[in-house]
């Protein structure tokens, strides 16, 4: 796999770029949302639908739909394992059998397999982690979110700010308490967590599936957005396919009495796409402050690490974990059956090993 030659990013015209750059959030909640987007882009609704379908087919767009706020609709954690290289692919495949796994990456470190687990609640999450340990035979670092400073992968793609620019952090604060969702809320969120259908009236299609009216669906979605259960609604892009093929998770050992101040500073670096505090796992994992950087090549990202991040946090002990292979990337799934693994014969269907530059 290491020698795999990757195709270049797709050639996108100006309308494709506007569609992706301007509509990663703020997706309209109205009877004909794609017509509203078309009006903004000065084209026809059918053209918007055709382009989104083509971008999904090419793997550039993951879905059009919600991104849930951490902790508001269930429980999640970042997990890591140290796996011998000769066994990495087979262990990654086994991890991918869990429906609860939505991201699964190889990173350059002794702890080389990193994945995100989601579950309906903390007890189920703990049970799934225990099952992963039992079935793989490896210890799993359980790195729970303690505070978010900036969590938003909906960043501009072709109009990015200058490298040294500063911006206000979004989503700063401790993880919010789980929302009080009724049965209809859960049915609604379960119906859209994999994305809206690319039809003229997608909310009407959702309404037919769950036995509500179109107006009720839109009212509930508006409330869930307003309450912060849904962080954003929009076009969810896959950055790797768009040429952002070097991403690095940079972790710091920050003093406990300064980590929040440093986290807020780090989050203000415009090219930082994610920034948060997580639990330590001493003695093997002393780091508590994390950020993510997404760039088009390794040298670009390395330059940001060496030149921009010290301005925010100083000379902290750090580790830089570039991603190497992506074994899974999809939206979090909270509302369908959790805790069970796919049948062994279907495990490989979830694998998508892509080498990162």
Protein backbone atom coordinates (compact mmCIF):
# COMPACT_ATOMS: atom_id res chain seq x y z
CA UNK A 1 0.00 0.00 0.00
CA UNK A 2 2.81 2.44 0.78
CA UNK A 3 3.77 2.80 -2.86
CA UNK A 4 0.25 3.41 -4.16
CA UNK A 5 0.10 6.31 -6.63
CA UNK A 6 -2.89 8.49 -5.90
CA UNK A 7 -4.82 10.36 -8.59
CA UNK A 8 -4.72 14.13 -8.40
CA UNK A 9 -7.62 16.12 -7.01
CA UNK A 10 -10.60 16.49 -9.34
CA UNK A 11 -10.90 19.39 -11.72
CA UNK A 12 -13.76 21.54 -10.45
CA UNK A 13 -15.21 24.56 -12.17
CA UNK A 14 -16.14 27.84 -10.49
CA UNK A 15 -19.71 26.74 -9.74
CA UNK A 16 -18.54 23.49 -8.09
CA UNK A 17 -16.11 25.47 -5.97
CA UNK A 18 -18.75 27.94 -4.83
CA UNK A 19 -21.14 25.11 -4.06
CA UNK A 20 -18.54 23.44 -1.82
CA UNK A 21 -16.96 26.56 -0.32
CA UNK A 22 -20.13 28.47 0.52
CA UNK A 23 -22.53 25.73 1.60
CA UNK A 24 -20.73 23.62 4.20
CA UNK A 25 -23.04 25.25 6.75
CA UNK A 26 -26.27 27.20 6.69
CA UNK A 27 -28.12 24.64 4.58
CA UNK A 28 -31.66 26.05 4.15
CA UNK A 29 -34.50 24.59 6.16
CA UNK A 30 -37.34 25.30 3.77
CA UNK A 31 -39.55 23.32 1.41
CA UNK A 32 -37.12 23.57 -1.52
CA UNK A 33 -33.60 24.05 -0.07
CA UNK A 34 -31.74 23.17 -3.27
CA UNK A 35 -33.76 25.78 -5.13
CA UNK A 36 -32.71 28.32 -2.50
CA UNK A 37 -29.05 27.36 -3.00
CA UNK A 38 -29.52 27.59 -6.76
CA UNK A 39 -30.90 31.10 -6.36
CA UNK A 40 -27.76 32.09 -4.45
CA UNK A 41 -25.57 30.58 -7.17
CA UNK A 42 -27.64 31.99 -10.04
CA UNK A 43 -28.39 28.60 -11.57
CA UNK A 44 -31.24 26.07 -11.67
CA UNK A 45 -32.12 23.72 -8.80
CA UNK A 46 -31.68 20.69 -11.06
CA UNK A 47 -28.14 21.83 -11.77
CA UNK A 48 -27.34 21.97 -8.05
CA UNK A 49 -28.80 18.48 -7.55
CA UNK A 50 -26.93 17.12 -10.57
CA UNK A 51 -23.62 18.54 -9.38
CA UNK A 52 -24.03 17.30 -5.81
CA UNK A 53 -24.90 13.81 -7.05
CA UNK A 54 -21.81 13.83 -9.29
CA UNK A 55 -19.59 15.08 -6.44
CA UNK A 56 -20.93 12.33 -4.16
CA UNK A 57 -20.26 9.76 -6.87
CA UNK A 58 -16.68 11.00 -7.20
CA UNK A 59 -16.17 10.83 -3.43
CA UNK A 60 -15.68 14.60 -3.04
CA UNK A 61 -18.90 15.01 -1.03
CA UNK A 62 -19.64 12.61 1.81
CA UNK A 63 -23.25 13.68 2.25
CA UNK A 64 -25.52 16.67 2.55
CA UNK A 65 -26.85 16.77 6.07
CA UNK A 66 -26.08 17.29 9.75
CA UNK A 67 -22.96 17.32 11.87
CA UNK A 68 -23.87 16.59 15.47
CA UNK A 69 -22.36 18.48 18.39
CA UNK A 70 -20.09 16.30 20.58
CA UNK A 71 -21.91 14.86 23.56
CA UNK A 72 -25.33 16.24 22.69
CA UNK A 73 -26.82 13.11 21.15
CA UNK A 74 -24.74 10.30 22.62
CA UNK A 75 -21.22 9.47 23.75
CA UNK A 76 -17.98 9.33 21.81
CA UNK A 77 -14.26 8.99 22.29
CA UNK A 78 -10.98 9.08 20.41
CA UNK A 79 -9.18 5.76 20.76
CA UNK A 80 -5.67 4.64 19.86
CA UNK A 81 -3.73 1.38 19.72
CA UNK A 82 -0.10 0.44 19.20
CA UNK A 83 -0.23 -2.32 16.58
CA UNK A 84 2.76 -4.12 15.03
CA UNK A 85 3.01 -2.92 11.41
CA UNK A 86 2.64 -6.44 10.03
CA UNK A 87 -0.75 -6.74 11.72
CA UNK A 88 -2.03 -3.22 11.19
CA UNK A 89 -4.32 -3.89 8.22
CA UNK A 90 -5.93 -6.95 9.78
CA UNK A 91 -6.51 -5.15 13.09
CA UNK A 92 -7.90 -2.08 11.28
CA UNK A 93 -10.27 -4.39 9.42
CA UNK A 94 -11.42 -5.95 12.68
CA UNK A 95 -11.98 -2.49 14.21
CA UNK A 96 -14.03 -1.50 11.17
CA UNK A 97 -16.46 -4.31 11.91
CA UNK A 98 -17.91 -2.10 14.64
CA UNK A 99 -20.67 0.10 13.36
CA UNK A 100 -19.74 2.53 16.14
CA UNK A 101 -16.44 3.33 14.36
CA UNK A 102 -16.80 6.29 12.01
CA UNK A 103 -13.14 7.35 11.53
CA UNK A 104 -10.17 4.98 11.46
CA UNK A 105 -6.67 6.15 10.50
CA UNK A 106 -3.09 5.01 10.59
CA UNK A 107 -0.84 7.74 12.01
CA UNK A 108 2.94 8.02 12.24
CA UNK A 109 3.63 7.07 15.84
CA UNK A 110 4.11 4.07 18.11
CA UNK A 111 0.37 4.45 18.69
CA UNK A 112 -0.41 4.03 15.04
CA UNK A 113 -4.10 3.14 14.79
CA UNK A 114 -6.53 5.94 15.70
CA UNK A 115 -10.29 5.68 15.55
CA UNK A 116 -13.41 7.43 16.78
CA UNK A 117 -16.16 5.48 18.51
CA UNK A 118 -19.71 6.72 18.97
CA UNK A 119 -22.53 5.18 20.97
CA UNK A 120 -25.98 5.99 22.28
CA UNK A 121 -24.61 6.44 25.80
CA UNK A 122 -21.55 6.13 28.03
CA UNK A 123 -22.31 2.58 29.18
CA UNK A 124 -22.58 1.37 25.61
CA UNK A 125 -19.39 3.20 24.67
CA UNK A 126 -17.52 1.55 27.57
CA UNK A 127 -18.84 -1.87 26.56
CA UNK A 128 -17.74 -1.35 22.95
CA UNK A 129 -14.23 -0.32 24.04
CA UNK A 130 -14.00 -3.43 26.22
CA UNK A 131 -15.10 -5.55 23.29
CA UNK A 132 -12.50 -3.97 20.99
CA UNK A 133 -9.80 -4.80 23.55
CA UNK A 134 -11.02 -8.36 23.88
CA UNK A 135 -11.38 -9.04 20.17
CA UNK A 136 -8.14 -7.42 19.01
CA UNK A 137 -5.97 -8.41 21.96
CA UNK A 138 -4.49 -4.89 22.20
CA UNK A 139 -4.80 -2.24 24.87
CA UNK A 140 -6.83 0.77 23.76
CA UNK A 141 -6.19 4.34 24.88
CA UNK A 142 -9.52 5.95 25.75
CA UNK A 143 -9.05 9.69 25.19
CA UNK A 144 -12.31 11.35 26.18
CA UNK A 145 -13.06 14.94 25.25
CA UNK A 146 -12.77 17.28 28.23
CA UNK A 147 -13.13 20.68 26.59
CA UNK A 148 -13.49 21.92 23.03
CA UNK A 149 -11.86 25.13 21.86
CA UNK A 150 -12.59 24.89 18.15
CA UNK A 151 -14.33 21.95 16.48
CA UNK A 152 -15.38 22.61 12.92
CA UNK A 153 -14.10 20.90 9.78
CA UNK A 154 -16.25 23.15 7.62
CA UNK A 155 -13.38 25.40 6.59
CA UNK A 156 -12.96 27.41 3.36
CA UNK A 157 -11.23 25.40 0.67
CA UNK A 158 -10.23 27.96 -1.96
CA UNK A 159 -10.44 31.18 0.05
CA UNK A 160 -8.42 30.17 3.11
CA UNK A 161 -7.09 32.96 5.35
CA UNK A 162 -3.40 33.90 5.46
CA UNK A 163 -1.34 31.47 7.51
CA UNK A 164 -0.76 33.87 10.37
CA UNK A 165 -4.28 35.24 10.57
CA UNK A 166 -6.26 34.84 13.75
CA UNK A 167 -9.92 34.05 14.06
CA UNK A 168 -12.41 33.62 16.87
CA UNK A 169 -12.67 30.09 18.21
CA UNK A 170 -15.98 28.28 17.73
CA UNK A 171 -17.54 25.76 20.01
CA UNK A 172 -15.35 26.68 23.00
CA UNK A 173 -16.30 25.14 26.31
CA UNK A 174 -16.76 21.86 28.15
CA UNK A 175 -18.76 19.14 26.38
CA UNK A 176 -22.43 20.04 26.59
CA UNK A 177 -24.81 17.77 28.43
CA UNK A 178 -26.75 15.23 26.42
CA UNK A 179 -29.90 16.76 24.98
CA UNK A 180 -33.34 15.67 26.12
CA UNK A 181 -34.55 14.13 22.88
CA UNK A 182 -38.00 12.64 22.54
CA UNK A 183 -38.80 9.61 20.41
CA UNK A 184 -39.68 11.72 17.36
CA UNK A 185 -36.43 13.69 17.63
CA UNK A 186 -34.50 10.42 17.62
CA UNK A 187 -36.44 9.09 14.66
CA UNK A 188 -35.77 12.30 12.78
CA UNK A 189 -32.05 12.40 13.55
CA UNK A 190 -31.73 8.70 12.73
CA UNK A 191 -33.36 9.34 9.36
CA UNK A 192 -30.91 12.10 8.40
CA UNK A 193 -27.62 11.07 10.03
CA UNK A 194 -26.47 9.47 6.76
CA UNK A 195 -27.57 12.54 4.80
CA UNK A 196 -30.58 14.02 3.07
CA UNK A 197 -31.83 12.63 -0.22
CA UNK A 198 -30.87 14.69 -3.25
CA UNK A 199 -34.43 15.48 -4.25
CA UNK A 200 -36.29 18.74 -4.77
CA UNK A 201 -38.03 18.47 -1.36
CA UNK A 202 -35.75 16.41 0.90
CA UNK A 203 -37.61 17.27 4.11
CA UNK A 204 -40.83 15.94 2.62
CA UNK A 205 -38.99 12.69 1.86
CA UNK A 206 -37.83 12.49 5.48
CA UNK A 207 -41.36 13.23 6.69
CA UNK A 208 -42.78 10.32 4.69
CA UNK A 209 -40.19 7.96 6.18
CA UNK A 210 -40.90 8.79 9.82
CA UNK A 211 -44.62 9.64 9.77
CA UNK A 212 -44.46 13.41 10.29
CA UNK A 213 -45.49 16.31 8.13
CA UNK A 214 -42.91 18.28 6.17
CA UNK A 215 -43.64 21.30 8.37
CA UNK A 216 -43.05 19.26 11.53
CA UNK A 217 -39.72 18.00 10.21
CA UNK A 218 -38.54 21.52 9.43
CA UNK A 219 -39.75 22.87 12.78
CA UNK A 220 -37.93 20.15 14.71
CA UNK A 221 -34.72 20.57 12.70
CA UNK A 222 -34.79 24.30 13.31
CA UNK A 223 -35.18 23.70 17.03
CA UNK A 224 -32.39 21.09 17.13
CA UNK A 225 -30.09 23.51 15.32
CA UNK A 226 -31.03 26.32 17.66
CA UNK A 227 -30.45 24.12 20.71
CA UNK A 228 -26.99 23.14 19.46
CA UNK A 229 -27.79 19.45 19.04
CA UNK A 230 -26.95 19.82 15.35
CA UNK A 231 -23.73 21.80 15.00
CA UNK A 232 -24.23 22.56 11.34
CA UNK A 233 -26.27 21.49 8.33
CA UNK A 234 -24.57 21.58 4.98
CA UNK A 235 -22.43 19.93 2.34
CA UNK A 236 -19.97 17.62 4.10
CA UNK A 237 -16.80 17.41 2.01
CA UNK A 238 -13.97 14.91 2.02
CA UNK A 239 -10.84 17.01 2.25
CA UNK A 240 -8.44 14.32 1.07
CA UNK A 241 -10.25 14.00 -2.26
CA UNK A 242 -10.03 17.77 -2.70
CA UNK A 243 -6.25 17.79 -2.45
CA UNK A 244 -5.78 18.24 1.32
CA UNK A 245 -3.69 15.10 1.55
CA UNK A 246 -1.42 15.98 4.44
CA UNK A 247 -3.11 16.23 7.78
CA UNK A 248 -1.38 16.18 11.12
CA UNK A 249 -2.68 15.76 14.63
CA UNK A 250 -0.38 17.78 16.87
CA UNK A 251 -0.53 16.96 20.58
CA UNK A 252 0.97 18.89 23.49
CA UNK A 253 1.71 18.19 27.14
CA UNK A 254 0.24 21.38 28.56
CA UNK A 255 0.30 22.29 32.27
CA UNK A 256 -3.12 21.60 33.74
CA UNK A 257 -3.37 25.11 35.17
CA UNK A 258 -2.66 26.69 31.75
CA UNK A 259 -4.18 24.28 29.28
CA UNK A 260 -7.40 26.25 28.79
CA UNK A 261 -5.58 29.52 28.14
CA UNK A 262 -3.22 27.80 25.71
CA UNK A 263 -6.08 25.93 24.05
CA UNK A 264 -7.96 29.15 23.37
CA UNK A 265 -4.82 30.69 21.89
CA UNK A 266 -4.18 27.66 19.71
CA UNK A 267 -7.78 27.68 18.49
CA UNK A 268 -7.32 31.23 17.23
CA UNK A 269 -4.69 30.17 14.69
CA UNK A 270 -6.77 30.34 11.53
CA UNK A 271 -5.29 27.21 9.92
CA UNK A 272 -6.10 25.06 12.97
CA UNK A 273 -9.22 23.12 12.00
CA UNK A 274 -9.82 21.32 15.32
CA UNK A 275 -8.61 22.10 18.83
CA UNK A 276 -9.59 20.43 22.08
CA UNK A 277 -8.47 19.04 25.43
CA UNK A 278 -8.61 15.30 26.11
CA UNK A 279 -7.80 13.04 29.03
CA UNK A 280 -4.22 11.88 29.47
CA UNK A 281 -3.29 8.20 29.77
CA UNK A 282 -0.04 8.29 31.78
CA UNK A 283 2.61 7.11 31.59
CA UNK A 284 2.26 6.06 27.95
CA UNK A 285 0.33 9.11 26.73
CA UNK A 286 1.07 12.37 28.57
CA UNK A 287 -0.62 14.70 26.07
CA UNK A 288 -3.77 16.63 26.84
CA UNK A 289 -4.00 19.41 24.21
CA UNK A 290 -4.73 18.54 20.57
CA UNK A 291 -5.07 20.37 17.29
CA UNK A 292 -5.48 19.34 13.67
CA UNK A 293 -3.94 20.90 10.58
CA UNK A 294 -5.03 20.09 7.02
CA UNK A 295 -2.76 21.04 4.15
CA UNK A 296 -2.00 20.13 0.56
CA UNK A 297 1.51 18.79 1.22
CA UNK A 298 3.66 17.70 4.12
CA UNK A 299 6.12 20.56 3.87
CA UNK A 300 3.32 23.10 4.12
CA UNK A 301 1.93 21.50 7.28
CA UNK A 302 5.38 21.04 8.82
CA UNK A 303 6.04 24.74 8.30
CA UNK A 304 2.85 25.65 10.14
CA UNK A 305 3.78 23.36 13.03
CA UNK A 306 7.22 24.91 13.39
CA UNK A 307 6.35 28.55 12.71
CA UNK A 308 2.76 29.18 13.81
CA UNK A 309 1.98 26.89 16.72
CA UNK A 310 4.89 27.98 18.99
CA UNK A 311 3.57 31.55 18.78
CA UNK A 312 0.38 30.31 20.42
CA UNK A 313 1.58 27.77 22.97
CA UNK A 314 5.32 28.27 23.37
CA UNK A 315 7.85 25.47 23.69
CA UNK A 316 5.66 22.68 25.04
CA UNK A 317 6.60 19.03 24.69
CA UNK A 318 4.74 17.87 21.59
CA UNK A 319 4.31 15.07 19.10
CA UNK A 320 3.29 15.43 15.45
CA UNK A 321 1.25 12.53 14.07
CA UNK A 322 0.78 12.71 10.31
CA UNK A 323 -1.91 10.46 8.94
CA UNK A 324 -0.72 7.72 6.59
CA UNK A 325 -3.75 5.63 5.67
CA UNK A 326 -7.46 6.12 5.99
CA UNK A 327 -9.33 2.92 6.74
CA UNK A 328 -12.71 4.56 7.33
CA UNK A 329 -14.22 8.03 7.15
CA UNK A 330 -17.93 8.62 7.50
CA UNK A 331 -20.42 10.52 9.64
CA UNK A 332 -21.13 9.51 13.23
CA UNK A 333 -24.04 7.12 13.65
CA UNK A 334 -25.86 7.29 16.96
CA UNK A 335 -29.43 6.24 16.29
CA UNK A 336 -29.20 2.75 14.85
CA UNK A 337 -28.21 -0.51 16.47
CA UNK A 338 -24.94 -0.11 18.35
CA UNK A 339 -22.49 -2.40 20.12
CA UNK A 340 -22.67 -5.20 17.57
CA UNK A 341 -20.09 -5.98 14.95
CA UNK A 342 -20.81 -6.67 11.32
CA UNK A 343 -20.78 -10.28 10.25
CA UNK A 344 -17.20 -11.35 9.49
CA UNK A 345 -17.96 -11.84 5.82
CA UNK A 346 -18.89 -8.18 5.49
CA UNK A 347 -15.98 -6.67 7.35
CA UNK A 348 -13.89 -5.82 4.31
CA UNK A 349 -16.73 -3.76 2.84
CA UNK A 350 -15.93 -1.00 5.30
CA UNK A 351 -12.23 -0.81 4.46
CA UNK A 352 -10.89 2.00 2.30
CA UNK A 353 -7.13 2.16 2.65
CA UNK A 354 -5.87 5.41 1.17
CA UNK A 355 -2.27 6.54 1.50
CA UNK A 356 -1.79 10.14 2.62
CA UNK A 357 1.04 12.25 1.34
